[in-house]
Amino acid sequence: MQTYYIAIAKNVLRENRRDRQKRPILIGNASQQSSDVLGHLWPPEQAQADRELAEFIEAAKSALSAKQREAFELVHVRGLSALEAAKLSDCSPHQLLGRLCCARKTLRQKLERVLPQDLL
């Protein structure tokens, strides 16, 4: 079940990143253009909910140690294998998997407060 929660968080982050990349570059009165353009892309309630979830995920990630955050981002955000991530982190694969396990546990505990009960 923990893999499911991590996958949800990862997908939300990826979708937000893709959405940011698709947004047009605004010139001139950016604040007015931004509200006009973004209002047509998705409903304001959904945009606000997405921003809040992304902020909560970032806050949850900030609770991780630097090594745990590095392991989590290399494997779940960048999509590297544990072996590749271990080489980049200059540690053994077993150490990286231990860091990843602790990171997942911490994130799961933090995200349980936000995710709907039917997803738990």
N, C-alpha and C. Protein backbone atom coordinates (compact mmCIF):
# COMPACT_ATOMS: atom_id res chain seq x y z
N MET A 1 0.81 -1.19 0.00
CA MET A 1 0.00 0.00 0.00
C MET A 1 0.86 1.26 0.00
N GLN A 2 2.05 1.19 0.64
CA GLN A 2 2.91 2.37 0.71
C GLN A 2 3.38 2.78 -0.69
N THR A 3 3.64 1.83 -1.54
CA THR A 3 4.06 2.14 -2.90
C THR A 3 2.97 2.92 -3.62
N TYR A 4 1.74 2.59 -3.34
CA TYR A 4 0.60 3.27 -3.95
C TYR A 4 0.59 4.75 -3.57
N TYR A 5 0.82 5.06 -2.29
CA TYR A 5 0.82 6.44 -1.83
C TYR A 5 1.96 7.22 -2.47
N ILE A 6 3.11 6.61 -2.52
CA ILE A 6 4.26 7.27 -3.13
C ILE A 6 3.99 7.52 -4.61
N ALA A 7 3.38 6.56 -5.28
CA ALA A 7 3.06 6.74 -6.69
C ALA A 7 2.09 7.89 -6.89
N ILE A 8 1.12 8.03 -6.01
CA ILE A 8 0.18 9.15 -6.11
C ILE A 8 0.91 10.47 -5.96
N ALA A 9 1.75 10.57 -4.95
CA ALA A 9 2.49 11.80 -4.73
C ALA A 9 3.41 12.10 -5.91
N LYS A 10 4.06 11.08 -6.42
CA LYS A 10 4.96 11.25 -7.56
C LYS A 10 4.20 11.73 -8.79
N ASN A 11 3.03 11.14 -9.04
CA ASN A 11 2.23 11.53 -10.19
C ASN A 11 1.72 12.96 -10.07
N VAL A 12 1.34 13.36 -8.87
CA VAL A 12 0.89 14.74 -8.66
C VAL A 12 2.02 15.70 -8.96
N LEU A 13 3.22 15.39 -8.48
CA LEU A 13 4.38 16.25 -8.75
C LEU A 13 4.69 16.31 -10.24
N ARG A 14 4.64 15.17 -10.91
CA ARG A 14 4.91 15.15 -12.36
C ARG A 14 3.88 15.96 -13.13
N GLU A 15 2.60 15.81 -12.76
CA GLU A 15 1.55 16.56 -13.45
C GLU A 15 1.73 18.06 -13.23
N ASN A 16 2.06 18.46 -12.01
CA ASN A 16 2.29 19.88 -11.75
C ASN A 16 3.47 20.41 -12.55
N ARG A 17 4.54 19.60 -12.64
CA ARG A 17 5.70 20.02 -13.42
C ARG A 17 5.34 20.14 -14.90
N ARG A 18 4.59 19.19 -15.43
CA ARG A 18 4.16 19.26 -16.83
C ARG A 18 3.28 20.47 -17.08
N ASP A 19 2.37 20.73 -16.14
CA ASP A 19 1.50 21.89 -16.28
C ASP A 19 2.30 23.18 -16.30
N ARG A 20 3.33 23.28 -15.44
CA ARG A 20 4.17 24.48 -15.43
C ARG A 20 4.90 24.63 -16.75
N GLN A 21 5.33 23.52 -17.35
CA GLN A 21 6.06 23.59 -18.60
C GLN A 21 5.16 23.98 -19.76
N LYS A 22 3.87 23.65 -19.68
CA LYS A 22 2.93 23.94 -20.76
C LYS A 22 2.39 25.36 -20.72
N ARG A 23 2.54 26.03 -19.59
CA ARG A 23 1.99 27.38 -19.46
C ARG A 23 2.69 28.33 -20.41
N PRO A 24 1.94 29.24 -21.02
CA PRO A 24 2.55 30.20 -21.95
C PRO A 24 3.41 31.22 -21.21
N ILE A 25 4.40 31.74 -21.91
CA ILE A 25 5.23 32.80 -21.36
C ILE A 25 4.44 34.09 -21.47
N LEU A 26 4.33 34.81 -20.38
CA LEU A 26 3.50 36.01 -20.35
C LEU A 26 4.37 37.25 -20.44
N ILE A 27 3.96 38.21 -21.26
CA ILE A 27 4.70 39.44 -21.47
C ILE A 27 3.75 40.60 -21.20
N GLY A 28 4.29 41.69 -20.70
CA GLY A 28 3.45 42.85 -20.43
C GLY A 28 2.83 42.77 -19.05
N ASN A 29 1.51 43.00 -18.97
CA ASN A 29 0.80 42.95 -17.70
C ASN A 29 0.59 41.48 -17.34
N ALA A 30 1.61 40.88 -16.75
CA ALA A 30 1.61 39.44 -16.50
C ALA A 30 0.52 39.01 -15.55
N SER A 31 0.24 39.81 -14.54
CA SER A 31 -0.76 39.37 -13.56
C SER A 31 -2.14 39.28 -14.19
N GLN A 32 -2.50 40.22 -15.03
CA GLN A 32 -3.81 40.18 -15.70
C GLN A 32 -3.85 39.04 -16.71
N GLN A 33 -2.79 38.90 -17.51
CA GLN A 33 -2.74 37.83 -18.50
C GLN A 33 -2.75 36.47 -17.82
N SER A 34 -2.05 36.38 -16.70
CA SER A 34 -1.96 35.11 -15.99
C SER A 34 -3.34 34.65 -15.53
N SER A 35 -4.11 35.55 -14.95
CA SER A 35 -5.43 35.15 -14.47
C SER A 35 -6.35 34.80 -15.64
N ASP A 36 -6.22 35.51 -16.77
CA ASP A 36 -7.04 35.19 -17.94
C ASP A 36 -6.68 33.83 -18.51
N VAL A 37 -5.40 33.56 -18.69
CA VAL A 37 -4.95 32.32 -19.29
C VAL A 37 -5.23 31.14 -18.37
N LEU A 38 -4.86 31.27 -17.10
CA LEU A 38 -5.03 30.15 -16.17
C LEU A 38 -6.49 29.84 -15.91
N GLY A 39 -7.35 30.84 -16.00
CA GLY A 39 -8.77 30.60 -15.80
C GLY A 39 -9.36 29.69 -16.85
N HIS A 40 -8.76 29.67 -18.03
CA HIS A 40 -9.25 28.82 -19.11
C HIS A 40 -8.63 27.43 -19.09
N LEU A 41 -7.51 27.25 -18.41
CA LEU A 41 -6.83 25.96 -18.40
C LEU A 41 -7.47 24.96 -17.45
N TRP A 42 -7.82 25.39 -16.25
CA TRP A 42 -8.47 24.51 -15.28
C TRP A 42 -9.22 25.37 -14.27
N PRO A 43 -10.18 24.79 -13.60
CA PRO A 43 -10.98 25.57 -12.65
C PRO A 43 -10.11 26.08 -11.50
N PRO A 44 -10.41 27.26 -11.00
CA PRO A 44 -9.61 27.84 -9.91
C PRO A 44 -9.55 26.95 -8.67
N GLU A 45 -10.66 26.25 -8.38
CA GLU A 45 -10.66 25.39 -7.19
C GLU A 45 -9.65 24.26 -7.35
N GLN A 46 -9.58 23.69 -8.56
CA GLN A 46 -8.64 22.60 -8.81
C GLN A 46 -7.20 23.10 -8.76
N ALA A 47 -6.97 24.27 -9.33
CA ALA A 47 -5.62 24.84 -9.32
C ALA A 47 -5.18 25.10 -7.88
N GLN A 48 -6.09 25.63 -7.06
CA GLN A 48 -5.76 25.89 -5.66
C GLN A 48 -5.49 24.59 -4.92
N ALA A 49 -6.31 23.59 -5.14
CA ALA A 49 -6.12 22.29 -4.48
C ALA A 49 -4.79 21.67 -4.89
N ASP A 50 -4.44 21.78 -6.17
CA ASP A 50 -3.16 21.24 -6.65
C ASP A 50 -1.99 21.96 -6.00
N ARG A 51 -2.09 23.29 -5.90
CA ARG A 51 -1.02 24.07 -5.27
C ARG A 51 -0.87 23.68 -3.81
N GLU A 52 -2.00 23.54 -3.11
CA GLU A 52 -1.94 23.18 -1.70
C GLU A 52 -1.33 21.80 -1.50
N LEU A 53 -1.72 20.84 -2.34
CA LEU A 53 -1.16 19.50 -2.23
C LEU A 53 0.33 19.51 -2.53
N ALA A 54 0.74 20.24 -3.56
CA ALA A 54 2.17 20.33 -3.90
C ALA A 54 2.95 20.97 -2.76
N GLU A 55 2.39 22.01 -2.13
CA GLU A 55 3.06 22.65 -1.00
C GLU A 55 3.17 21.68 0.17
N PHE A 56 2.11 20.90 0.42
CA PHE A 56 2.15 19.95 1.52
C PHE A 56 3.17 18.85 1.26
N ILE A 57 3.26 18.40 0.02
CA ILE A 57 4.25 17.37 -0.33
C ILE A 57 5.66 17.93 -0.14
N GLU A 58 5.88 19.16 -0.56
CA GLU A 58 7.20 19.77 -0.37
C GLU A 58 7.52 19.93 1.11
N ALA A 59 6.52 20.30 1.92
CA ALA A 59 6.73 20.41 3.36
C ALA A 59 7.06 19.04 3.96
N ALA A 60 6.37 18.01 3.49
CA ALA A 60 6.64 16.65 3.97
C ALA A 60 8.06 16.23 3.57
N LYS A 61 8.47 16.57 2.35
CA LYS A 61 9.83 16.23 1.91
C LYS A 61 10.87 16.98 2.71
N SER A 62 10.55 18.17 3.19
CA SER A 62 11.52 18.93 3.97
C SER A 62 11.75 18.30 5.35
N ALA A 63 10.85 17.42 5.78
CA ALA A 63 11.02 16.71 7.05
C ALA A 63 12.05 15.59 6.93
N LEU A 64 12.43 15.25 5.70
CA LEU A 64 13.41 14.18 5.48
C LEU A 64 14.82 14.71 5.70
N SER A 65 15.72 13.81 6.06
CA SER A 65 17.12 14.20 6.13
C SER A 65 17.62 14.43 4.70
N ALA A 66 18.75 15.07 4.58
CA ALA A 66 19.29 15.37 3.25
C ALA A 66 19.55 14.09 2.46
N LYS A 67 20.07 13.07 3.11
CA LYS A 67 20.36 11.81 2.42
C LYS A 67 19.08 11.09 2.02
N GLN A 68 18.06 11.12 2.88
CA GLN A 68 16.77 10.50 2.54
C GLN A 68 16.11 11.24 1.39
N ARG A 69 16.14 12.56 1.43
CA ARG A 69 15.54 13.36 0.36
C ARG A 69 16.24 13.09 -0.97
N GLU A 70 17.57 13.00 -0.92
CA GLU A 70 18.34 12.70 -2.14
C GLU A 70 17.94 11.34 -2.70
N ALA A 71 17.87 10.33 -1.85
CA ALA A 71 17.50 8.99 -2.30
C ALA A 71 16.10 8.99 -2.90
N PHE A 72 15.16 9.64 -2.22
CA PHE A 72 13.78 9.69 -2.70
C PHE A 72 13.69 10.38 -4.06
N GLU A 73 14.33 11.52 -4.20
CA GLU A 73 14.25 12.26 -5.45
C GLU A 73 14.94 11.54 -6.60
N LEU A 74 16.08 10.90 -6.32
CA LEU A 74 16.77 10.18 -7.39
C LEU A 74 15.93 9.02 -7.91
N VAL A 75 15.30 8.28 -7.00
CA VAL A 75 14.56 7.08 -7.40
C VAL A 75 13.15 7.43 -7.88
N HIS A 76 12.41 8.24 -7.11
CA HIS A 76 11.00 8.45 -7.43
C HIS A 76 10.72 9.67 -8.30
N VAL A 77 11.57 10.65 -8.27
CA VAL A 77 11.32 11.84 -9.10
C VAL A 77 12.07 11.74 -10.42
N ARG A 78 13.34 11.38 -10.35
CA ARG A 78 14.14 11.28 -11.57
C ARG A 78 14.04 9.92 -12.24
N GLY A 79 13.52 8.94 -11.53
CA GLY A 79 13.27 7.62 -12.12
C GLY A 79 14.49 6.73 -12.27
N LEU A 80 15.52 6.97 -11.47
CA LEU A 80 16.72 6.13 -11.54
C LEU A 80 16.48 4.82 -10.79
N SER A 81 17.24 3.81 -11.15
CA SER A 81 17.18 2.56 -10.40
C SER A 81 17.94 2.76 -9.09
N ALA A 82 17.75 1.85 -8.16
CA ALA A 82 18.44 1.95 -6.87
C ALA A 82 19.95 1.86 -7.07
N LEU A 83 20.38 1.05 -7.99
CA LEU A 83 21.82 0.91 -8.25
C LEU A 83 22.40 2.21 -8.82
N GLU A 84 21.71 2.81 -9.78
CA GLU A 84 22.17 4.08 -10.35
C GLU A 84 22.19 5.19 -9.30
N ALA A 85 21.12 5.24 -8.49
CA ALA A 85 21.04 6.26 -7.45
C ALA A 85 22.14 6.07 -6.41
N ALA A 86 22.44 4.82 -6.08
CA ALA A 86 23.49 4.54 -5.11
C ALA A 86 24.85 5.02 -5.62
N LYS A 87 25.10 4.80 -6.90
CA LYS A 87 26.37 5.27 -7.48
C LYS A 87 26.47 6.79 -7.41
N LEU A 88 25.37 7.47 -7.73
CA LEU A 88 25.38 8.93 -7.68
C LEU A 88 25.49 9.45 -6.25
N SER A 89 24.94 8.71 -5.31
CA SER A 89 24.98 9.12 -3.90
C SER A 89 26.26 8.70 -3.20
N ASP A 90 27.09 7.95 -3.90
CA ASP A 90 28.35 7.46 -3.36
C ASP A 90 28.12 6.62 -2.10
N CYS A 91 27.19 5.66 -2.22
CA CYS A 91 26.91 4.73 -1.13
C CYS A 91 26.56 3.38 -1.73
N SER A 92 26.42 2.38 -0.88
CA SER A 92 26.06 1.05 -1.37
C SER A 92 24.56 1.02 -1.68
N PRO A 93 24.14 0.10 -2.55
CA PRO A 93 22.70 -0.03 -2.82
C PRO A 93 21.89 -0.34 -1.57
N HIS A 94 22.47 -1.10 -0.64
CA HIS A 94 21.76 -1.42 0.60
C HIS A 94 21.53 -0.17 1.45
N GLN A 95 22.54 0.69 1.50
CA GLN A 95 22.38 1.95 2.24
C GLN A 95 21.30 2.82 1.60
N LEU A 96 21.34 2.89 0.28
CA LEU A 96 20.35 3.71 -0.42
C LEU A 96 18.94 3.17 -0.18
N LEU A 97 18.78 1.85 -0.25
CA LEU A 97 17.46 1.26 -0.02
C LEU A 97 16.99 1.51 1.41
N GLY A 98 17.90 1.52 2.37
CA GLY A 98 17.53 1.84 3.75
C GLY A 98 17.06 3.28 3.88
N ARG A 99 17.79 4.20 3.23
CA ARG A 99 17.38 5.61 3.23
C ARG A 99 16.02 5.78 2.56
N LEU A 100 15.83 5.07 1.47
CA LEU A 100 14.58 5.15 0.72
C LEU A 100 13.42 4.62 1.56
N CYS A 101 13.66 3.54 2.28
CA CYS A 101 12.62 2.97 3.14
C CYS A 101 12.21 3.96 4.23
N CYS A 102 13.20 4.58 4.87
CA CYS A 102 12.89 5.57 5.91
C CYS A 102 12.18 6.79 5.32
N ALA A 103 12.59 7.21 4.13
CA ALA A 103 11.95 8.36 3.49
C ALA A 103 10.49 8.05 3.17
N ARG A 104 10.23 6.88 2.63
CA ARG A 104 8.85 6.49 2.31
C ARG A 104 7.99 6.44 3.56
N LYS A 105 8.55 5.90 4.63
CA LYS A 105 7.80 5.78 5.88
C LYS A 105 7.44 7.17 6.40
N THR A 106 8.40 8.08 6.39
CA THR A 106 8.15 9.44 6.87
C THR A 106 7.12 10.14 5.99
N LEU A 107 7.28 10.02 4.68
CA LEU A 107 6.32 10.67 3.77
C LEU A 107 4.93 10.08 3.92
N ARG A 108 4.85 8.78 4.09
CA ARG A 108 3.55 8.13 4.26
C ARG A 108 2.85 8.68 5.49
N GLN A 109 3.60 8.82 6.59
CA GLN A 109 3.02 9.34 7.82
C GLN A 109 2.55 10.78 7.65
N LYS A 110 3.31 11.58 6.94
CA LYS A 110 2.93 12.98 6.72
C LYS A 110 1.74 13.09 5.77
N LEU A 111 1.71 12.26 4.73
CA LEU A 111 0.65 12.35 3.72
C LEU A 111 -0.66 11.74 4.19
N GLU A 112 -0.63 10.88 5.22
CA GLU A 112 -1.87 10.30 5.74
C GLU A 112 -2.82 11.38 6.24
N ARG A 113 -2.27 12.51 6.65
CA ARG A 113 -3.09 13.60 7.16
C ARG A 113 -3.85 14.32 6.04
N VAL A 114 -3.36 14.22 4.83
CA VAL A 114 -3.94 14.99 3.72
C VAL A 114 -4.76 14.11 2.77
N LEU A 115 -4.30 12.89 2.52
CA LEU A 115 -4.97 12.02 1.57
C LEU A 115 -6.33 11.59 2.11
N PRO A 116 -7.31 11.46 1.25
CA PRO A 116 -8.62 10.98 1.69
C PRO A 116 -8.53 9.59 2.30
N GLN A 117 -9.43 9.29 3.22
CA GLN A 117 -9.41 8.01 3.92
C GLN A 117 -9.58 6.83 2.98
N ASP A 118 -10.31 7.00 1.88
CA ASP A 118 -10.51 5.88 0.96
C ASP A 118 -9.22 5.50 0.22
N LEU A 119 -8.22 6.38 0.22
CA LEU A 119 -6.94 6.04 -0.39
C LEU A 119 -6.00 5.38 0.59
N LEU A 120 -6.33 5.44 1.86
CA LEU A 120 -5.45 4.83 2.86
C LEU A 120 -5.75 3.41 2.95
